[in-house]
Protein backbone atom coordinates (compact mmCIF):
# COMPACT_ATOMS: atom_id res chain seq x y z
CA MET A 1 -26.05 10.38 -13.58
CA SER A 2 -23.23 8.46 -11.94
CA ASN A 3 -23.76 4.69 -12.23
CA ALA A 4 -23.31 2.83 -8.92
CA ASN A 5 -22.15 -0.22 -10.89
CA SER A 6 -19.26 1.65 -12.54
CA LEU A 7 -16.65 2.62 -9.96
CA VAL A 8 -13.44 1.56 -8.18
CA ILE A 9 -13.51 -0.85 -5.25
CA LEU A 10 -10.42 -0.78 -3.06
CA ASP A 11 -8.86 -2.34 0.00
CA PHE A 12 -5.82 -1.45 2.11
CA GLU A 13 -3.61 -3.59 4.31
CA THR A 14 -1.86 -1.43 6.90
CA THR A 15 0.65 -1.42 9.75
CA GLY A 16 -2.14 -0.72 12.25
CA LEU A 17 -5.50 0.90 12.78
CA SER A 18 -4.90 4.65 12.65
CA PRO A 19 -2.91 6.93 10.34
CA THR A 20 -3.18 9.64 13.00
CA GLN A 21 -1.05 7.38 15.20
CA GLY A 22 1.54 7.07 12.45
CA ASP A 23 0.31 3.88 10.80
CA ARG A 24 0.93 3.48 7.07
CA THR A 25 -0.33 1.40 4.19
CA ILE A 26 1.58 -1.75 3.20
CA GLU A 27 -0.59 -3.00 0.33
CA ILE A 28 -3.34 -1.68 -1.89
CA GLY A 29 -5.64 -3.71 -4.08
CA ALA A 30 -8.42 -2.37 -6.28
CA VAL A 31 -10.68 -3.35 -9.15
CA ARG A 32 -12.58 -1.18 -11.58
CA LEU A 33 -16.17 -2.10 -12.36
CA VAL A 34 -17.75 -0.91 -15.57
CA ASN A 35 -21.46 -1.80 -15.70
CA GLY A 36 -20.83 -4.50 -13.12
CA GLU A 37 -17.89 -6.12 -14.92
CA VAL A 38 -14.30 -6.04 -13.66
CA THR A 39 -12.26 -4.35 -16.39
CA GLU A 40 -9.02 -3.50 -14.58
CA GLN A 41 -7.19 -4.26 -11.38
CA PHE A 42 -4.45 -2.60 -9.34
CA GLN A 43 -2.29 -4.33 -6.74
CA GLN A 44 0.98 -3.28 -5.18
CA LEU A 45 2.92 -3.73 -1.97
CA MET A 46 4.13 -0.51 -0.34
CA ASN A 47 7.21 0.00 1.80
CA PRO A 48 6.07 1.98 4.87
CA GLY A 49 9.63 2.85 5.86
CA ARG A 50 9.52 0.80 9.06
CA ILE A 51 9.41 -2.74 10.37
CA ILE A 52 5.91 -4.18 10.66
CA SER A 53 4.86 -6.18 13.71
CA PRO A 54 4.71 -10.00 13.89
CA PHE A 55 0.94 -9.66 14.38
CA ILE A 56 0.53 -7.82 11.06
CA GLU A 57 2.84 -10.30 9.32
CA ASP A 58 0.70 -13.18 10.61
CA TYR A 59 -2.63 -11.42 9.95
CA THR A 60 -1.88 -10.44 6.35
CA GLY A 61 0.79 -12.88 5.27
CA ILE A 62 2.84 -9.85 4.21
CA THR A 63 6.36 -10.07 5.64
CA ASN A 64 9.06 -7.51 6.27
CA HIS A 65 11.15 -9.35 3.70
CA MET A 66 8.43 -8.81 1.08
CA LEU A 67 8.18 -5.10 1.89
CA LYS A 68 11.92 -4.49 1.85
CA SER A 69 12.02 -4.38 -1.94
CA ALA A 70 8.60 -2.73 -2.39
CA SER A 71 8.20 0.82 -3.70
CA PRO A 72 7.67 3.61 -1.15
CA CYS A 73 4.08 4.52 -0.33
CA SER A 74 4.41 7.86 -2.11
CA ASN A 75 5.39 6.27 -5.43
CA VAL A 76 2.57 3.75 -5.31
CA MET A 77 -0.03 6.37 -4.41
CA VAL A 78 0.94 8.54 -7.38
CA ASN A 79 0.15 5.58 -9.62
CA PHE A 80 -3.04 4.78 -7.74
CA VAL A 81 -4.42 8.30 -8.14
CA LYS A 82 -4.01 7.84 -11.88
CA PHE A 83 -5.84 4.51 -11.65
CA ILE A 84 -8.77 6.05 -9.75
CA GLY A 85 -9.27 8.81 -12.29
CA ASP A 86 -12.67 10.44 -11.77
CA ASP A 87 -14.41 7.33 -10.47
CA ASN A 88 -16.38 7.02 -7.25
CA LEU A 89 -14.93 4.68 -4.63
CA ILE A 90 -16.21 1.80 -2.51
CA ALA A 91 -14.64 -0.18 0.32
CA HIS A 92 -15.93 -2.61 2.92
CA ASN A 93 -15.84 -0.62 6.17
CA ALA A 94 -14.96 2.43 4.11
CA ALA A 95 -14.30 4.67 7.11
CA PHE A 96 -11.08 2.71 7.72
CA ASP A 97 -9.87 2.72 4.11
CA LYS A 98 -10.86 6.35 3.53
CA ARG A 99 -8.76 7.47 6.50
CA PHE A 100 -5.71 5.75 5.05
CA LEU A 101 -6.38 6.88 1.48
CA ASP A 102 -6.77 10.49 2.59
CA ALA A 103 -3.66 10.28 4.79
CA GLU A 104 -1.50 8.76 2.07
CA LEU A 105 -2.70 11.24 -0.55
CA SER A 106 -2.06 14.16 1.79
CA GLN A 107 1.57 13.01 1.91
CA ILE A 108 1.87 13.62 -1.84
CA ASP A 109 -0.51 16.60 -2.01
CA ARG A 110 -3.07 14.77 -4.15
CA GLU A 111 -6.86 14.37 -3.99
CA TYR A 112 -9.55 12.37 -5.74
CA PRO A 113 -12.65 14.00 -7.25
CA GLY A 114 -15.12 11.15 -6.71
CA HIS A 115 -17.29 10.23 -3.73
CA PHE A 116 -16.52 7.39 -1.30
CA SER A 117 -19.16 5.01 0.06
CA CYS A 118 -19.33 1.78 2.04
CA SER A 119 -20.43 -1.74 1.11
CA LEU A 120 -20.69 -2.69 4.80
CA LEU A 121 -23.18 0.09 5.58
CA LEU A 122 -25.14 -0.72 2.44
CA ALA A 123 -25.24 -4.43 3.28
CA ARG A 124 -26.60 -3.66 6.75
CA ARG A 125 -29.57 -1.96 5.11
CA VAL A 126 -30.13 -4.19 2.08
CA PHE A 127 -29.42 -7.61 3.66
CA GLN A 128 -30.95 -7.03 7.06
CA GLY A 129 -31.24 -10.76 7.80
CA ALA A 130 -27.51 -11.45 7.56
CA PRO A 131 -26.02 -12.85 10.79
CA SER A 132 -22.80 -10.86 10.36
CA TYR A 133 -21.48 -8.07 8.15
CA ASN A 134 -17.88 -9.22 8.14
CA LEU A 135 -16.86 -9.50 4.47
CA GLY A 136 -16.14 -13.24 4.58
CA ASN A 137 -19.36 -13.99 6.45
CA LEU A 138 -21.43 -11.95 3.97
CA ILE A 139 -19.84 -13.80 1.05
CA SER A 140 -20.77 -17.11 2.70
CA TYR A 141 -24.29 -15.90 3.55
CA LEU A 142 -24.90 -14.98 -0.09
CA GLY A 143 -23.49 -18.26 -1.38
CA ILE A 144 -20.71 -16.56 -3.36
CA LYS A 145 -17.79 -18.84 -4.15
CA SER A 146 -14.48 -17.81 -2.62
CA SER A 147 -11.18 -19.24 -1.45
CA ALA A 148 -9.17 -18.65 1.71
CA GLY A 149 -7.39 -15.47 0.72
CA TYR A 150 -8.81 -12.80 3.01
CA HIS A 151 -6.61 -10.02 4.40
CA ARG A 152 -4.72 -9.56 1.16
CA ALA A 153 -5.80 -6.36 -0.51
CA LEU A 154 -6.59 -7.48 -4.05
CA PHE A 155 -8.49 -10.58 -2.91
CA ASP A 156 -10.57 -8.51 -0.49
CA ALA A 157 -11.27 -5.94 -3.22
CA GLU A 158 -12.35 -8.72 -5.59
CA MET A 159 -14.65 -10.23 -2.95
CA THR A 160 -16.08 -6.79 -2.17
CA ALA A 161 -16.78 -6.38 -5.89
CA LYS A 162 -18.79 -9.63 -5.85
CA LEU A 163 -20.67 -8.45 -2.77
CA TRP A 164 -21.27 -5.10 -4.44
CA SER A 165 -22.76 -6.76 -7.51
CA ALA A 166 -25.14 -8.71 -5.26
CA LEU A 167 -26.14 -5.50 -3.48
CA ILE A 168 -26.83 -3.68 -6.74
CA GLU A 169 -28.85 -6.62 -8.06
CA GLU A 170 -30.94 -6.68 -4.88
CA ILE A 171 -31.60 -2.95 -5.16
CA GLN A 172 -32.60 -3.36 -8.80
CA GLN A 173 -35.03 -6.12 -7.85
CA LYS A 174 -36.65 -3.94 -5.18
CA THR A 175 -36.95 -0.93 -7.47
CA GLN A 176 -37.68 -0.39 -11.14
CA LEU A 177 -34.24 0.97 -11.81
CA ASN A 178 -32.11 -0.52 -14.56
CA ILE A 179 -29.25 1.73 -13.55
CA VAL A 180 -28.81 2.46 -9.85
CA PRO A 181 -27.45 5.99 -9.37
CA PHE A 182 -24.60 6.44 -6.93
CA THR A 183 -26.61 9.19 -5.27
CA LEU A 184 -29.18 6.54 -4.26
CA ILE A 185 -26.42 4.46 -2.64
CA GLU A 186 -25.36 7.50 -0.64
CA LYS A 187 -28.97 8.05 0.42
CA ILE A 188 -29.53 4.41 1.44
CA VAL A 189 -26.47 4.25 3.70
CA LYS A 190 -27.74 7.31 5.58
CA THR A 191 -31.28 5.95 5.91
CA PRO A 192 -32.36 4.15 9.12
CA LYS A 193 -32.75 0.42 8.49
CA LYS A 194 -36.46 0.49 9.29
CA SER A 195 -37.04 3.07 6.53
CA VAL A 196 -35.05 1.44 3.74
CA ALA A 197 -37.89 -0.74 2.40
CA ASN A 198 -40.11 2.32 1.96
CA LEU A 199 -37.29 4.22 0.29
CA LEU A 200 -36.72 1.46 -2.25
CA ALA A 201 -40.45 0.92 -2.79
CA SER A 202 -40.81 4.59 -3.70
CA PHE A 203 -39.07 3.84 -6.99
CA LYS A 204 -41.84 1.45 -8.06
CA ASP A 205 -45.07 2.52 -9.73
């Protein structure tokens, strides 16, 4: 059984919104959770081979000067595949990060064996009273301490890891599971919000 509290949580900063429109990754940050504890981290800037826009510089704090000396995307992604190993993956708004991960790995003819799921979709189902599912707003809603570092990849991955731990704890409290299987996470995110309570209750005697 694959443990939903032992996996890799990642975040990308990019030149834009769509790899199909030619956008590339400029930074990757990731943390590995083992039984809910961060045991490793990965962070690296990536040279996309082009000038990034003033908007992206302002949004991320990553400048063209910083990227000039960074390793090419292909080199970084080779190292990141090794970091992932066989682990499952999580990101906040995973559809975005998965598109870029898949696009960058296709450039180097690599794949990852694990599954990829989404903390945003899970939060929508587990914390249905939250006023917003933006990462920073969720962190504030849950009373998790943070600093003003959003839109840098490693910081966002670290904050997503804290959110993830809160999500797993909430699921454990609503079920009788000591270990939450990743397959349950995948089932929850596909379940209509109105049916989630019954799904979780089904794990109790």
